[in-house]
Amino acid sequence: MLDLRLATTSLAMLIALLSVALADPAKDQARPVAQSAADARPIRVILPAPWQPATAQADVQSSK
């Protein structure tokens, strides 16, 4: 009895996985909004090394 349940469950899972894999992607979904170049770039934060003293934001801006 256990073997029959195992075989049935395996067959059902195989059919389900195949149907999902062969399904076409939904064409009714809206396309994502195009991002500008500034939005597409990741934001990078440069942190001081652990052995360097932390500087205030005003000190960094005044040195530029």
N, C-alpha and C. Protein backbone atom coordinates (compact mmCIF):
# COMPACT_ATOMS: atom_id res chain seq x y z
N MET A 1 0.83 -1.19 0.00
CA MET A 1 0.00 0.00 0.00
C MET A 1 0.87 1.26 0.00
N LEU A 2 1.96 1.22 0.78
CA LEU A 2 2.85 2.37 0.83
C LEU A 2 3.52 2.60 -0.52
N ASP A 3 3.90 1.53 -1.19
CA ASP A 3 4.54 1.67 -2.50
C ASP A 3 3.59 2.29 -3.52
N LEU A 4 2.31 1.94 -3.45
CA LEU A 4 1.33 2.50 -4.37
C LEU A 4 1.14 3.99 -4.12
N ARG A 5 1.09 4.39 -2.83
CA ARG A 5 0.96 5.81 -2.50
C ARG A 5 2.21 6.58 -2.92
N LEU A 6 3.36 5.99 -2.73
CA LEU A 6 4.62 6.64 -3.10
C LEU A 6 4.70 6.82 -4.62
N ALA A 7 4.31 5.81 -5.36
CA ALA A 7 4.33 5.89 -6.82
C ALA A 7 3.33 6.93 -7.32
N THR A 8 2.15 6.96 -6.72
CA THR A 8 1.13 7.93 -7.13
C THR A 8 1.58 9.35 -6.83
N THR A 9 2.14 9.55 -5.66
CA THR A 9 2.63 10.88 -5.28
C THR A 9 3.78 11.31 -6.19
N SER A 10 4.68 10.42 -6.49
CA SER A 10 5.79 10.74 -7.37
C SER A 10 5.31 11.09 -8.77
N LEU A 11 4.35 10.34 -9.27
CA LEU A 11 3.80 10.62 -10.59
C LEU A 11 3.08 11.97 -10.61
N ALA A 12 2.34 12.26 -9.57
CA ALA A 12 1.63 13.54 -9.50
C ALA A 12 2.62 14.71 -9.44
N MET A 13 3.69 14.54 -8.67
CA MET A 13 4.71 15.59 -8.59
C MET A 13 5.40 15.77 -9.94
N LEU A 14 5.69 14.70 -10.63
CA LEU A 14 6.32 14.77 -11.94
C LEU A 14 5.44 15.51 -12.93
N ILE A 15 4.16 15.20 -12.93
CA ILE A 15 3.23 15.87 -13.84
C ILE A 15 3.12 17.35 -13.49
N ALA A 16 3.06 17.66 -12.21
CA ALA A 16 2.96 19.06 -11.79
C ALA A 16 4.21 19.84 -12.18
N LEU A 17 5.38 19.27 -11.96
CA LEU A 17 6.61 19.96 -12.30
C LEU A 17 6.76 20.15 -13.81
N LEU A 18 6.37 19.15 -14.56
CA LEU A 18 6.43 19.28 -16.02
C LEU A 18 5.46 20.34 -16.54
N SER A 19 4.28 20.39 -15.97
CA SER A 19 3.31 21.38 -16.43
C SER A 19 3.77 22.79 -16.10
N VAL A 20 4.41 22.98 -14.96
CA VAL A 20 4.94 24.30 -14.61
C VAL A 20 6.12 24.65 -15.52
N ALA A 21 6.97 23.70 -15.79
CA ALA A 21 8.14 23.96 -16.62
C ALA A 21 7.75 24.26 -18.07
N LEU A 22 6.71 23.65 -18.56
CA LEU A 22 6.31 23.85 -19.94
C LEU A 22 5.33 25.00 -20.14
N ALA A 23 4.86 25.58 -19.06
CA ALA A 23 3.88 26.66 -19.16
C ALA A 23 4.54 27.92 -19.72
N ASP A 24 3.77 28.66 -20.51
CA ASP A 24 4.26 29.93 -21.04
C ASP A 24 4.18 30.98 -19.95
N PRO A 25 5.12 31.91 -19.94
CA PRO A 25 5.02 32.98 -18.94
C PRO A 25 3.79 33.85 -19.23
N ALA A 26 3.27 34.43 -18.20
CA ALA A 26 2.06 35.24 -18.34
C ALA A 26 2.36 36.47 -19.18
N LYS A 27 1.56 36.67 -20.21
CA LYS A 27 1.77 37.81 -21.10
C LYS A 27 0.95 39.02 -20.66
N ASP A 28 0.09 38.84 -19.67
CA ASP A 28 -0.74 39.94 -19.20
C ASP A 28 -0.03 40.80 -18.16
N GLN A 29 1.13 40.39 -17.72
CA GLN A 29 1.82 41.16 -16.70
C GLN A 29 2.39 42.43 -17.31
N ALA A 30 2.34 43.50 -16.53
CA ALA A 30 2.87 44.78 -16.99
C ALA A 30 4.40 44.73 -16.99
N ARG A 31 4.98 45.39 -17.94
CA ARG A 31 6.43 45.47 -18.00
C ARG A 31 6.93 46.37 -16.88
N PRO A 32 8.08 46.07 -16.30
CA PRO A 32 8.60 46.95 -15.27
C PRO A 32 8.98 48.31 -15.86
N VAL A 33 8.81 49.33 -15.06
CA VAL A 33 9.12 50.68 -15.51
C VAL A 33 10.62 50.79 -15.76
N ALA A 34 10.99 51.38 -16.89
CA ALA A 34 12.40 51.52 -17.22
C ALA A 34 13.07 52.45 -16.22
N GLN A 35 14.21 52.04 -15.75
CA GLN A 35 14.93 52.84 -14.77
C GLN A 35 15.89 53.77 -15.49
N SER A 36 16.10 54.93 -14.89
CA SER A 36 17.12 55.82 -15.43
C SER A 36 18.49 55.30 -15.04
N ALA A 37 19.52 55.88 -15.61
CA ALA A 37 20.88 55.40 -15.33
C ALA A 37 21.23 55.57 -13.86
N ALA A 38 20.75 56.65 -13.25
CA ALA A 38 21.07 56.89 -11.84
C ALA A 38 20.36 55.87 -10.94
N ASP A 39 19.16 55.46 -11.32
CA ASP A 39 18.42 54.49 -10.50
C ASP A 39 18.98 53.09 -10.66
N ALA A 40 19.53 52.78 -11.82
CA ALA A 40 20.01 51.43 -12.08
C ALA A 40 21.31 51.13 -11.36
N ARG A 41 22.10 52.16 -11.08
CA ARG A 41 23.39 51.93 -10.42
C ARG A 41 23.18 51.66 -8.94
N PRO A 42 23.92 50.73 -8.38
CA PRO A 42 23.80 50.50 -6.94
C PRO A 42 24.45 51.64 -6.15
N ILE A 43 23.94 51.86 -4.98
CA ILE A 43 24.50 52.89 -4.10
C ILE A 43 25.66 52.27 -3.35
N ARG A 44 26.82 52.89 -3.44
CA ARG A 44 28.01 52.38 -2.77
C ARG A 44 28.39 53.33 -1.64
N VAL A 45 28.59 52.76 -0.49
CA VAL A 45 28.99 53.53 0.67
C VAL A 45 30.40 53.11 1.04
N ILE A 46 31.30 54.08 1.12
CA ILE A 46 32.68 53.77 1.48
C ILE A 46 32.83 54.02 2.97
N LEU A 47 33.12 52.97 3.69
CA LEU A 47 33.29 53.06 5.13
C LEU A 47 34.77 53.13 5.47
N PRO A 48 35.12 53.81 6.54
CA PRO A 48 36.52 53.86 6.92
C PRO A 48 36.99 52.50 7.41
N ALA A 49 38.28 52.24 7.23
CA ALA A 49 38.85 51.00 7.73
C ALA A 49 38.83 51.02 9.25
N PRO A 50 38.81 49.86 9.90
CA PRO A 50 38.73 49.83 11.36
C PRO A 50 39.89 50.55 12.04
N TRP A 51 41.05 50.64 11.38
CA TRP A 51 42.18 51.28 12.03
C TRP A 51 42.24 52.78 11.74
N GLN A 52 41.35 53.30 10.87
CA GLN A 52 41.33 54.74 10.58
C GLN A 52 40.31 55.42 11.47
N PRO A 53 40.63 56.64 11.94
CA PRO A 53 39.65 57.36 12.75
C PRO A 53 38.47 57.81 11.88
N ALA A 54 37.30 57.77 12.43
CA ALA A 54 36.10 58.18 11.70
C ALA A 54 36.09 59.70 11.59
N THR A 55 35.74 60.22 10.40
CA THR A 55 35.66 61.67 10.20
C THR A 55 34.20 62.05 10.09
N ALA A 56 33.90 63.27 10.49
CA ALA A 56 32.53 63.77 10.40
C ALA A 56 32.20 64.06 8.94
N GLN A 57 30.91 64.08 8.62
CA GLN A 57 30.48 64.32 7.25
C GLN A 57 30.89 65.73 6.79
N ALA A 58 30.86 66.71 7.68
CA ALA A 58 31.22 68.07 7.32
C ALA A 58 32.71 68.14 6.96
N ASP A 59 33.55 67.38 7.63
CA ASP A 59 34.97 67.37 7.32
C ASP A 59 35.23 66.81 5.93
N VAL A 60 34.49 65.80 5.55
CA VAL A 60 34.67 65.18 4.23
C VAL A 60 34.24 66.13 3.13
N GLN A 61 33.13 66.82 3.33
CA GLN A 61 32.62 67.73 2.31
C GLN A 61 33.48 68.99 2.17
N SER A 62 34.04 69.48 3.26
CA SER A 62 34.84 70.69 3.19
C SER A 62 36.18 70.44 2.52
N SER A 63 36.68 69.21 2.53
CA SER A 63 37.97 68.91 1.92
C SER A 63 37.87 68.78 0.41
N LYS A 64 36.66 68.67 -0.13
CA LYS A 64 36.48 68.49 -1.59
C LYS A 64 36.57 69.81 -2.32
